[in-house]
Amino acid sequence: MFFWVWTIVALAMLGMPGEPGEPPTPQRITTTTAPASPATPNAPNSPNSPNAPNAPGSPMSPATPAIVAEPQVPSGRFTTAVEVKPILTATKGSWVAVREYDGKDLVYVTQILSWRCGLAGMSLSINGGTPEIWDMPPCLDNTATPNAITPDAVIYRSYPLGSVQSVTVGVTYDDLTTDSATFQRAQVLLP
């Protein structure tokens, strides 16, 4: 009994969330941007020159966010790459769907969004075009179902009817590994 009391006190002092025996809540990915360098005239080979590569330890450009890998501690809540990567790998053929509806092509990514809490990001490219970042809904970390899709979540994008011939999806897991797949219209067209 004495040991148990001191264990609880020690956990409280360490800042461990939750009750004893409950897994800690995983932290979400944070992105940061470096402050812009001061605008000063630079010599062509100066470290602050726009043409010079970033020196080790020098700040990134303000437009480049730094993504930090999350700890990969399985929680049973499917909020880390270690938990969702096997699922998304096994269901890769269902990552996207194309539906003709109301005179438009609708491209759905519901399967990926259903496991988004283990992702750091997702991009979509139509017909080999430039990949576009898909803003994923936030994880519902304080609920029993953190990956649930709420009614206000955007689960598809619309394009002119018949224009979507191929879809390339790229995912970045929260351990910073990546995966991608390309689908032809006939493979993912819903009846």
Protein backbone atom coordinates (compact mmCIF):
# COMPACT_ATOMS: atom_id res chain seq x y z
CA MET A 1 0.00 0.00 0.00
CA PHE A 2 2.81 2.38 0.90
CA PHE A 3 4.51 1.70 -2.44
CA TRP A 4 1.26 2.38 -4.33
CA VAL A 5 0.81 5.78 -2.65
CA TRP A 6 4.36 6.82 -3.51
CA THR A 7 3.88 5.64 -7.11
CA ILE A 8 0.82 7.88 -7.46
CA VAL A 9 2.68 10.81 -5.90
CA ALA A 10 5.66 10.24 -8.22
CA LEU A 11 3.43 10.12 -11.29
CA ALA A 12 1.70 13.32 -10.23
CA MET A 13 5.05 15.04 -9.76
CA LEU A 14 6.22 13.90 -13.20
CA GLY A 15 3.13 15.40 -14.76
CA MET A 16 1.75 12.14 -16.11
CA PRO A 17 -1.86 12.67 -17.27
CA GLY A 18 -4.72 10.34 -16.42
CA GLU A 19 -5.29 7.80 -13.73
CA PRO A 20 -2.76 5.13 -12.74
CA GLY A 21 -2.83 2.34 -15.28
CA GLU A 22 -4.29 4.62 -17.97
CA PRO A 23 -1.99 5.23 -20.96
CA PRO A 24 -0.78 8.80 -21.35
CA THR A 25 -2.54 10.87 -23.97
CA PRO A 26 -0.28 11.17 -27.04
CA GLN A 27 0.85 14.65 -27.99
CA ARG A 28 -0.21 15.99 -31.38
CA ILE A 29 2.26 17.13 -34.02
CA THR A 30 3.39 20.69 -33.76
CA THR A 31 4.65 22.75 -36.63
CA THR A 32 6.86 25.74 -36.28
CA THR A 33 8.22 28.28 -38.65
CA ALA A 34 11.47 30.07 -38.23
CA PRO A 35 11.44 33.84 -37.97
CA ALA A 36 12.32 35.70 -41.12
CA SER A 37 15.91 36.85 -41.45
CA PRO A 38 16.41 40.59 -41.24
CA ALA A 39 16.39 42.32 -44.59
CA THR A 40 20.00 43.38 -45.13
CA PRO A 41 22.10 43.73 -48.23
CA ASN A 42 24.04 40.53 -48.70
CA ALA A 43 27.15 39.65 -50.55
CA PRO A 44 26.58 36.88 -53.15
CA ASN A 45 28.25 34.21 -50.96
CA SER A 46 27.03 35.54 -47.63
CA PRO A 47 25.15 33.02 -45.44
CA ASN A 48 22.07 35.27 -45.62
CA SER A 49 22.19 35.51 -49.40
CA PRO A 50 19.01 34.24 -51.07
CA ASN A 51 21.21 32.12 -53.35
CA ALA A 52 23.24 30.54 -50.56
CA PRO A 53 22.11 27.22 -49.11
CA ASN A 54 21.07 27.15 -45.48
CA ALA A 55 24.07 26.54 -43.28
CA PRO A 56 23.70 23.85 -40.63
CA GLY A 57 21.76 25.31 -37.74
CA SER A 58 20.52 28.27 -39.76
CA PRO A 59 16.79 29.05 -39.68
CA MET A 60 14.50 27.70 -42.37
CA SER A 61 12.55 30.02 -44.59
CA PRO A 62 9.37 31.40 -43.01
CA ALA A 63 7.24 29.40 -45.46
CA THR A 64 8.76 26.02 -44.52
CA PRO A 65 7.10 24.41 -41.50
CA ALA A 66 9.11 21.94 -39.46
CA ILE A 67 7.18 18.78 -38.68
CA VAL A 68 8.28 16.90 -35.60
CA ALA A 69 7.79 13.14 -35.29
CA GLU A 70 5.46 12.07 -32.51
CA PRO A 71 6.34 9.42 -29.94
CA GLN A 72 5.14 6.05 -31.19
CA VAL A 73 3.55 4.63 -28.07
CA PRO A 74 0.52 2.45 -28.94
CA SER A 75 -2.47 3.66 -26.97
CA GLY A 76 -5.19 1.43 -28.38
CA ARG A 77 -6.90 4.59 -29.65
CA PHE A 78 -5.35 4.48 -33.15
CA THR A 79 -3.71 7.89 -32.89
CA THR A 80 -0.14 7.01 -33.89
CA ALA A 81 1.52 5.78 -37.07
CA VAL A 82 2.49 2.53 -35.40
CA GLU A 83 -1.25 1.80 -34.98
CA VAL A 84 -2.73 3.15 -38.23
CA LYS A 85 0.01 2.37 -40.76
CA PRO A 86 -0.84 -1.37 -40.91
CA ILE A 87 -4.52 -0.52 -41.45
CA LEU A 88 -3.91 2.05 -44.17
CA THR A 89 -1.38 -0.25 -45.86
CA ALA A 90 -3.87 -3.14 -45.89
CA THR A 91 -6.69 -0.93 -47.22
CA LYS A 92 -4.64 1.08 -49.74
CA GLY A 93 -7.01 0.10 -52.56
CA SER A 94 -9.80 1.99 -50.75
CA TRP A 95 -7.92 5.22 -50.08
CA VAL A 96 -9.96 7.17 -52.63
CA ALA A 97 -13.22 6.88 -54.51
CA VAL A 98 -14.60 8.84 -57.46
CA ARG A 99 -18.34 9.37 -57.72
CA GLU A 100 -20.26 11.04 -60.51
CA TYR A 101 -22.95 13.12 -58.85
CA ASP A 102 -25.00 16.16 -59.78
CA GLY A 103 -22.95 16.80 -62.94
CA LYS A 104 -19.57 16.63 -61.13
CA ASP A 105 -16.80 14.22 -60.24
CA LEU A 106 -16.52 13.94 -56.46
CA VAL A 107 -13.21 12.59 -55.11
CA TYR A 108 -13.61 11.06 -51.64
CA VAL A 109 -10.80 10.35 -49.16
CA THR A 110 -12.98 9.02 -46.34
CA GLN A 111 -10.85 5.92 -45.73
CA ILE A 112 -7.75 7.99 -45.03
CA LEU A 113 -9.59 10.54 -42.90
CA SER A 114 -10.96 7.68 -40.80
CA TRP A 115 -7.37 7.04 -39.58
CA ARG A 116 -6.05 10.63 -39.73
CA CYS A 117 -4.92 10.81 -36.10
CA GLY A 118 -1.85 8.76 -37.05
CA LEU A 119 -1.03 11.13 -39.92
CA ALA A 120 0.96 14.34 -40.11
CA GLY A 121 -0.42 15.25 -43.52
CA MET A 122 -2.03 14.20 -46.78
CA SER A 123 -1.84 15.49 -50.34
CA LEU A 124 -3.92 14.85 -53.45
CA SER A 125 -2.95 15.20 -57.09
CA ILE A 126 -5.46 14.97 -59.93
CA ASN A 127 -4.32 13.76 -63.37
CA GLY A 128 -0.63 14.07 -62.47
CA GLY A 129 -0.95 17.72 -61.47
CA THR A 130 0.74 19.48 -58.59
CA PRO A 131 -0.08 17.82 -55.25
CA GLU A 132 -2.44 19.88 -53.10
CA ILE A 133 -2.36 19.66 -49.31
CA TRP A 134 -5.63 18.35 -47.87
CA ASP A 135 -6.54 20.09 -44.63
CA MET A 136 -7.61 17.26 -42.37
CA PRO A 137 -10.13 17.75 -39.58
CA PRO A 138 -8.61 17.82 -36.11
CA CYS A 139 -8.42 14.66 -34.05
CA LEU A 140 -11.01 14.43 -31.31
CA ASP A 141 -8.42 13.56 -28.67
CA ASN A 142 -10.75 14.18 -25.72
CA THR A 143 -13.39 11.72 -26.94
CA ALA A 144 -13.72 7.94 -26.99
CA THR A 145 -13.40 8.01 -30.80
CA PRO A 146 -10.60 10.42 -31.78
CA ASN A 147 -10.78 9.50 -35.50
CA ALA A 148 -14.55 10.06 -35.79
CA ILE A 149 -15.59 12.19 -38.74
CA THR A 150 -17.88 15.04 -37.73
CA PRO A 151 -20.62 16.39 -40.04
CA ASP A 152 -18.62 19.54 -40.79
CA ALA A 153 -15.54 17.62 -42.05
CA VAL A 154 -14.65 17.94 -45.73
CA ILE A 155 -14.43 14.37 -47.03
CA TYR A 156 -14.47 15.07 -50.78
CA ARG A 157 -13.58 17.63 -53.42
CA SER A 158 -15.54 18.28 -56.60
CA TYR A 159 -14.23 18.57 -60.15
CA PRO A 160 -15.91 18.93 -63.56
CA LEU A 161 -17.74 15.77 -64.67
CA GLY A 162 -15.41 13.28 -66.37
CA SER A 163 -12.28 15.34 -65.69
CA VAL A 164 -10.73 13.08 -63.04
CA GLN A 165 -8.77 10.39 -64.88
CA SER A 166 -6.22 9.60 -62.17
CA VAL A 167 -5.74 10.40 -58.51
CA THR A 168 -2.43 10.27 -56.64
CA VAL A 169 -2.58 10.34 -52.86
CA GLY A 170 0.39 10.91 -50.59
CA VAL A 171 0.32 10.42 -46.84
CA THR A 172 2.88 11.40 -44.24
CA TYR A 173 2.55 9.43 -41.03
CA ASP A 174 3.22 11.08 -37.69
CA ASP A 175 6.50 9.13 -37.44
CA LEU A 176 7.47 11.05 -40.63
CA THR A 177 7.44 8.00 -42.94
CA THR A 178 5.51 8.40 -46.18
CA ASP A 179 3.43 6.33 -48.57
CA SER A 180 1.60 7.08 -51.80
CA ALA A 181 -0.61 5.44 -54.38
CA THR A 182 -1.97 6.33 -57.81
CA PHE A 183 -5.40 5.20 -58.92
CA GLN A 184 -6.94 5.27 -62.40
CA ARG A 185 -10.55 6.40 -62.69
CA ALA A 186 -11.83 2.91 -63.58
CA GLN A 187 -10.24 1.46 -60.41
CA VAL A 188 -12.01 3.80 -58.00
CA LEU A 189 -15.20 4.86 -59.82
CA LEU A 190 -18.28 4.08 -57.73
CA PRO A 191 -21.25 2.53 -59.58
